[in-house]
Amino acid sequence: MRIEQLEYLTAVIRHGSLRRAGEHLHLSQSALSEAISGLERELGVPLLERHRSGARVSREGRDLLPLMAEILAGVAQLKAAAQDHARTNRAIRVGTVNAGTSALLVPAVREFSAGHPSTTVDVATMLQADIQESLLEGRLDVGLVNAFPGDDIPATLSQTVLLHGVPAVCCRTDDPLTALDRVRVDDLRARPFVAMRPGYLMHRLAQRLFGESPPPETFSTDGAEMGKVLVAMGMGPTILPDYSIVGDPLEQAGVITARPLAEEVPPVMMLLLRRRFDRVPPAVAGFEETIIRLAAS
């Protein structure tokens, strides 16, 4: 049995087909199928149901997924521990959707780095789906994502709630919307709007709120940070978690502000995600403790 065989089967389960898994792994379908066939012969159970129209994961394969994920997490942990011994400077890889970057992540990186001078923190801005996939594959150590209650988070990832909030309207302080106690969706429909691109939580919420009647002019952007810059430049308001607005340098400078929505919206959370370990690497545990403490303060 080879570790890559488990990785291949896990990829097929995650992506739903041999074709999509092969594209992700940069392998041909035949090579991928042959590797999994070898694993089936060794385990003595069918892992794929093969048909003329294609192949899909068998019930046995799905039943074995938690154990395979545990084995792969253990291998990733072993590699990380070996790297810790092989080099003095440890790098923590953090993926973030950046909604809390200014108010939370930046202070956490600054404080952690001051106490751990031999450890670097590598921060990448990514979509939530990419963060979760990178965590599962061991390419990230920690992820920060936004989520609504009930959103599906893989069971193989540990999750900690860092911030609680509600979606709010982010607008310039000289915007007429600031005169309103609460902003209605119809108020937003009547003017240009800064929207998040697909893949962001606030894109999903905006689609639900606007339905079939979106604003006449919409500017799309990646992530809260650029969204706030466009708001500050007068391109229009946007909808963000309130914790992404309050405490932001642009908010503290009096350029942007937050107003609640009149319509009922679900609460939103910022989650810290990481792979489940029997023994959390010391550097990751130290960073996690720092950001959790700052979020609670």
Protein backbone atom coordinates (compact mmCIF):
# COMPACT_ATOMS: atom_id res chain seq x y z
CA MET A 1 0.00 0.00 0.00
CA ARG A 2 1.33 3.43 -0.97
CA ILE A 3 0.30 6.74 0.56
CA GLU A 4 -0.45 8.21 -2.87
CA GLN A 5 -3.06 5.48 -3.44
CA LEU A 6 -4.99 6.77 -0.42
CA GLU A 7 -4.53 10.33 -1.65
CA TYR A 8 -5.86 9.36 -5.08
CA LEU A 9 -8.99 7.71 -3.67
CA THR A 10 -9.60 10.63 -1.33
CA ALA A 11 -9.34 12.99 -4.32
CA VAL A 12 -11.90 10.93 -6.28
CA ILE A 13 -14.30 11.07 -3.32
CA ARG A 14 -13.77 14.80 -2.86
CA HIS A 15 -14.11 15.72 -6.55
CA GLY A 16 -16.85 13.22 -7.40
CA SER A 17 -15.30 11.53 -10.43
CA LEU A 18 -12.10 10.05 -11.83
CA ARG A 19 -11.97 12.75 -14.50
CA ARG A 20 -12.14 15.71 -12.11
CA ALA A 21 -9.75 14.04 -9.64
CA GLY A 22 -7.31 13.30 -12.47
CA GLU A 23 -7.43 16.94 -13.61
CA HIS A 24 -6.75 18.11 -10.08
CA LEU A 25 -3.88 15.64 -9.59
CA HIS A 26 -2.54 16.07 -13.14
CA LEU A 27 -2.90 12.34 -13.77
CA SER A 28 -4.61 10.43 -16.56
CA GLN A 29 -7.84 8.63 -15.66
CA SER A 30 -6.25 5.29 -16.59
CA ALA A 31 -3.27 5.83 -14.26
CA LEU A 32 -5.58 6.94 -11.48
CA SER A 33 -7.91 3.97 -11.97
CA GLU A 34 -4.99 1.49 -12.06
CA ALA A 35 -3.54 2.85 -8.81
CA ILE A 36 -6.90 2.48 -7.08
CA SER A 37 -7.35 -1.02 -8.57
CA GLY A 38 -4.07 -2.03 -6.92
CA LEU A 39 -5.37 -0.73 -3.59
CA GLU A 40 -8.64 -2.66 -4.08
CA ARG A 41 -6.71 -5.88 -4.68
CA GLU A 42 -4.61 -5.33 -1.58
CA LEU A 43 -7.57 -4.46 0.67
CA GLY A 44 -9.91 -7.06 -0.84
CA VAL A 45 -12.87 -4.67 -1.20
CA PRO A 46 -14.23 -2.67 -4.15
CA LEU A 47 -13.52 1.03 -3.71
CA LEU A 48 -14.98 2.22 -7.02
CA GLU A 49 -18.12 1.22 -8.90
CA ARG A 50 -17.09 1.21 -12.56
CA HIS A 51 -19.67 1.69 -15.31
CA ARG A 52 -19.54 2.47 -19.00
CA SER A 53 -20.50 6.05 -18.21
CA GLY A 54 -17.69 6.38 -15.69
CA ALA A 55 -16.71 5.41 -12.15
CA ARG A 56 -17.98 6.50 -8.77
CA VAL A 57 -16.97 5.71 -5.21
CA SER A 58 -18.45 2.56 -3.69
CA ARG A 59 -20.14 2.34 -0.30
CA GLU A 60 -17.05 0.57 1.05
CA GLY A 61 -14.88 3.40 -0.17
CA ARG A 62 -16.99 6.00 1.58
CA ASP A 63 -17.05 3.94 4.78
CA LEU A 64 -13.24 3.84 4.77
CA LEU A 65 -12.86 7.58 4.15
CA PRO A 66 -12.58 8.65 7.84
CA LEU A 67 -9.80 6.10 8.45
CA MET A 68 -7.97 7.16 5.28
CA ALA A 69 -8.26 10.82 6.30
CA GLU A 70 -6.82 9.94 9.71
CA ILE A 71 -3.90 8.10 8.10
CA LEU A 72 -3.18 10.97 5.70
CA ALA A 73 -3.39 13.50 8.55
CA GLY A 74 -0.91 11.37 10.48
CA VAL A 75 1.44 11.29 7.51
CA ALA A 76 1.17 15.08 7.15
CA GLN A 77 1.84 15.46 10.87
CA LEU A 78 4.89 13.18 10.59
CA LYS A 79 6.22 15.24 7.68
CA ALA A 80 5.64 18.48 9.57
CA ALA A 81 7.40 17.12 12.66
CA ALA A 82 10.34 15.97 10.53
CA GLN A 83 10.57 19.39 8.93
CA ASP A 84 10.54 20.98 12.39
CA HIS A 85 13.60 18.91 13.31
CA ALA A 86 15.29 19.52 9.96
CA ARG A 87 15.21 23.29 10.08
CA THR A 88 15.38 25.96 12.74
CA ASN A 89 12.98 28.39 11.08
CA ARG A 90 9.43 27.03 11.06
CA ALA A 91 6.88 28.61 8.71
CA ILE A 92 3.19 28.62 9.59
CA ARG A 93 1.03 28.76 6.50
CA VAL A 94 -2.23 30.66 7.01
CA GLY A 95 -5.04 30.96 4.47
CA THR A 96 -7.64 33.67 5.02
CA VAL A 97 -10.72 35.11 3.35
CA ASN A 98 -9.41 38.41 4.81
CA ALA A 99 -12.66 39.63 6.36
CA GLY A 100 -10.92 40.01 9.71
CA THR A 101 -7.40 40.69 8.43
CA SER A 102 -6.95 44.24 9.68
CA ALA A 103 -8.72 43.90 13.01
CA LEU A 104 -7.61 40.39 14.00
CA LEU A 105 -5.13 38.56 11.78
CA VAL A 106 -2.56 41.35 11.48
CA PRO A 107 -2.40 41.96 15.27
CA ALA A 108 -2.17 38.18 15.84
CA VAL A 109 0.71 37.79 13.38
CA ARG A 110 2.51 40.77 14.93
CA GLU A 111 2.19 39.48 18.50
CA PHE A 112 3.01 35.87 17.61
CA SER A 113 6.08 36.89 15.59
CA ALA A 114 7.38 39.03 18.47
CA GLY A 115 7.29 36.00 20.76
CA HIS A 116 8.54 33.49 18.16
CA PRO A 117 11.34 35.22 16.22
CA SER A 118 12.50 31.97 14.58
CA THR A 119 9.03 31.24 13.16
CA THR A 120 7.66 32.99 10.10
CA VAL A 121 3.97 33.35 9.23
CA ASP A 122 3.08 33.03 5.56
CA VAL A 123 -0.38 34.52 4.87
CA ALA A 124 -2.30 33.83 1.64
CA THR A 125 -5.69 35.31 0.69
CA MET A 126 -7.89 32.55 -0.74
CA LEU A 127 -11.48 31.48 -1.32
CA GLN A 128 -13.07 29.45 1.46
CA ALA A 129 -13.30 26.26 -0.64
CA ASP A 130 -9.61 26.55 -1.53
CA ILE A 131 -8.69 27.08 2.13
CA GLN A 132 -10.51 23.93 3.20
CA GLU A 133 -9.01 21.86 0.39
CA SER A 134 -5.50 23.15 1.13
CA LEU A 135 -5.91 22.30 4.82
CA LEU A 136 -7.07 18.77 4.01
CA GLU A 137 -4.11 18.28 1.66
CA GLY A 138 -1.58 19.66 4.17
CA ARG A 139 -0.67 22.77 2.14
CA LEU A 140 -1.97 25.08 4.90
CA ASP A 141 -1.64 24.86 8.68
CA VAL A 142 -4.42 27.27 9.66
CA GLY A 143 -7.41 28.75 7.85
CA LEU A 144 -9.70 31.69 8.65
CA VAL A 145 -13.13 31.54 6.99
CA ASN A 146 -16.55 33.11 7.37
CA ALA A 147 -19.57 30.87 7.82
CA PHE A 148 -23.27 30.97 8.47
CA PRO A 149 -24.72 28.61 11.12
CA GLY A 150 -25.25 25.21 9.55
CA ASP A 151 -22.62 25.61 6.82
CA ASP A 152 -20.88 22.32 6.05
CA ILE A 153 -17.32 22.06 7.39
CA PRO A 154 -15.42 18.77 6.77
CA ALA A 155 -15.39 16.59 9.88
CA THR A 156 -11.64 16.08 9.50
CA LEU A 157 -11.09 19.79 10.24
CA SER A 158 -11.10 21.25 13.73
CA GLN A 159 -13.08 24.49 13.98
CA THR A 160 -13.03 27.26 16.59
CA VAL A 161 -15.33 30.29 16.51
CA LEU A 162 -13.22 33.45 16.70
CA LEU A 163 -15.78 36.19 16.05
CA HIS A 164 -19.57 36.49 16.07
CA GLY A 165 -21.29 39.14 14.00
CA VAL A 166 -24.02 40.05 11.54
CA PRO A 167 -23.86 41.15 7.91
CA ALA A 168 -24.04 44.95 7.67
CA VAL A 169 -23.91 47.66 5.03
CA CYS A 170 -20.46 49.20 4.60
CA CYS A 171 -20.62 52.73 3.15
CA ARG A 172 -18.68 55.99 3.08
CA THR A 173 -19.29 58.29 6.03
CA ASP A 174 -20.59 60.98 3.64
CA ASP A 175 -23.04 58.56 1.99
CA PRO A 176 -26.76 59.44 2.40
CA LEU A 177 -27.27 55.89 3.71
CA THR A 178 -25.59 56.93 6.97
CA ALA A 179 -28.65 59.05 7.80
CA LEU A 180 -30.74 55.86 8.00
CA ASP A 181 -31.10 53.87 11.21
CA ARG A 182 -31.42 50.73 9.10
CA VAL A 183 -30.74 50.23 5.40
CA ARG A 184 -33.33 48.41 3.31
CA VAL A 185 -32.44 46.20 0.37
CA ASP A 186 -34.50 48.55 -1.83
CA ASP A 187 -32.18 51.39 -0.75
CA LEU A 188 -29.25 49.36 -2.11
CA ARG A 189 -31.07 48.40 -5.32
CA ALA A 190 -31.45 52.05 -6.30
CA ARG A 191 -27.72 52.75 -6.73
CA PRO A 192 -24.33 51.22 -7.68
CA PHE A 193 -23.24 48.37 -5.43
CA VAL A 194 -19.88 46.71 -4.68
CA ALA A 195 -20.37 42.94 -4.71
CA MET A 196 -18.13 40.06 -3.75
CA ARG A 197 -17.35 37.58 -6.51
CA PRO A 198 -18.76 34.01 -6.43
CA GLY A 199 -17.11 31.85 -3.79
CA TYR A 200 -17.40 34.44 -1.01
CA LEU A 201 -20.02 34.18 1.74
CA MET A 202 -21.31 37.72 1.16
CA HIS A 203 -21.85 36.96 -2.53
CA ARG A 204 -24.22 34.18 -1.47
CA LEU A 205 -26.06 36.53 0.89
CA ALA A 206 -26.33 39.35 -1.67
CA GLN A 207 -27.82 36.97 -4.22
CA ARG A 208 -30.43 35.91 -1.67
CA LEU A 209 -31.29 39.49 -0.69
CA PHE A 210 -31.49 40.93 -4.20
CA GLY A 211 -33.09 37.92 -5.85
CA GLU A 212 -34.10 38.66 -9.42
CA SER A 213 -33.71 42.45 -8.97
CA PRO A 214 -30.02 43.30 -8.44
CA PRO A 215 -28.73 46.90 -8.43
CA PRO A 216 -28.46 48.43 -11.92
CA GLU A 217 -24.71 48.84 -11.68
CA THR A 218 -22.50 46.38 -9.81
CA PHE A 219 -18.75 46.32 -9.25
CA SER A 220 -17.30 42.89 -8.39
CA THR A 221 -14.20 42.33 -6.31
CA ASP A 222 -12.25 39.65 -4.47
CA GLY A 223 -12.51 39.87 -0.71
CA ALA A 224 -13.46 42.36 1.96
CA GLU A 225 -10.25 44.37 1.92
CA MET A 226 -10.56 45.45 -1.71
CA GLY A 227 -14.30 45.86 -1.23
CA LYS A 228 -13.71 48.42 1.52
CA VAL A 229 -11.22 50.27 -0.66
CA LEU A 230 -13.80 50.53 -3.46
CA VAL A 231 -16.38 51.78 -0.94
CA ALA A 232 -13.89 54.40 0.27
CA MET A 233 -13.35 55.50 -3.35
CA GLY A 234 -17.07 56.19 -3.74
CA MET A 235 -17.93 53.23 -5.99
CA GLY A 236 -20.92 52.33 -3.81
CA PRO A 237 -21.79 50.46 -0.62
CA THR A 238 -21.24 46.76 -0.01
CA ILE A 239 -22.37 44.12 2.51
CA LEU A 240 -19.77 42.65 4.86
CA PRO A 241 -19.67 41.08 8.33
CA ASP A 242 -19.77 43.92 10.85
CA TYR A 243 -16.54 42.67 12.44
CA SER A 244 -14.82 43.26 9.10
CA ILE A 245 -15.81 46.94 9.16
CA VAL A 246 -15.47 47.98 12.81
CA GLY A 247 -11.81 48.45 13.71
CA ASP A 248 -10.63 48.59 10.10
CA PRO A 249 -8.11 51.42 9.50
CA LEU A 250 -10.52 53.06 7.04
CA GLU A 251 -13.27 52.97 9.67
CA GLN A 252 -10.95 54.31 12.37
CA ALA A 253 -9.90 57.12 10.00
CA GLY A 254 -13.54 58.12 9.54
CA VAL A 255 -13.73 57.16 5.86
CA ILE A 256 -16.16 54.22 6.02
CA THR A 257 -18.78 53.13 8.52
CA ALA A 258 -21.35 50.35 9.09
CA ARG A 259 -25.15 50.45 9.10
CA PRO A 260 -27.44 47.52 9.98
CA LEU A 261 -29.75 45.98 7.42
CA ALA A 262 -33.50 46.37 7.87
CA GLU A 263 -34.14 42.86 6.52
CA GLU A 264 -33.56 39.81 8.70
CA VAL A 265 -30.19 38.24 7.94
CA PRO A 266 -28.45 35.21 9.48
CA PRO A 267 -25.61 35.71 11.96
CA VAL A 268 -22.10 35.22 10.62
CA MET A 269 -19.01 33.75 12.29
CA MET A 270 -15.31 33.82 11.64
CA LEU A 271 -13.90 30.32 12.14
CA LEU A 272 -10.36 29.15 12.69
CA LEU A 273 -9.86 25.83 10.90
CA ARG A 274 -6.99 23.36 11.03
CA ARG A 275 -6.52 19.66 10.50
CA ARG A 276 -7.24 17.42 13.47
CA PHE A 277 -3.98 16.25 15.05
CA ASP A 278 -3.28 13.83 17.89
CA ARG A 279 -0.47 16.25 18.72
CA VAL A 280 -0.77 19.80 17.46
CA PRO A 281 2.62 21.12 16.24
CA PRO A 282 3.94 23.60 18.85
CA ALA A 283 4.19 26.52 16.42
CA VAL A 284 0.63 26.00 15.18
CA ALA A 285 -0.64 25.66 18.76
CA GLY A 286 1.13 28.89 19.72
CA PHE A 287 -0.37 30.82 16.82
CA GLU A 288 -3.81 29.37 17.51
CA GLU A 289 -3.61 30.39 21.18
CA THR A 290 -2.57 33.92 20.21
CA ILE A 291 -5.36 34.58 17.74
CA ILE A 292 -8.05 33.01 19.96
CA ARG A 293 -6.97 35.21 22.87
CA LEU A 294 -6.99 38.35 20.75
CA ALA A 295 -10.40 37.50 19.32
CA ALA A 296 -11.80 37.17 22.84
CA SER A 297 -10.37 40.47 24.04
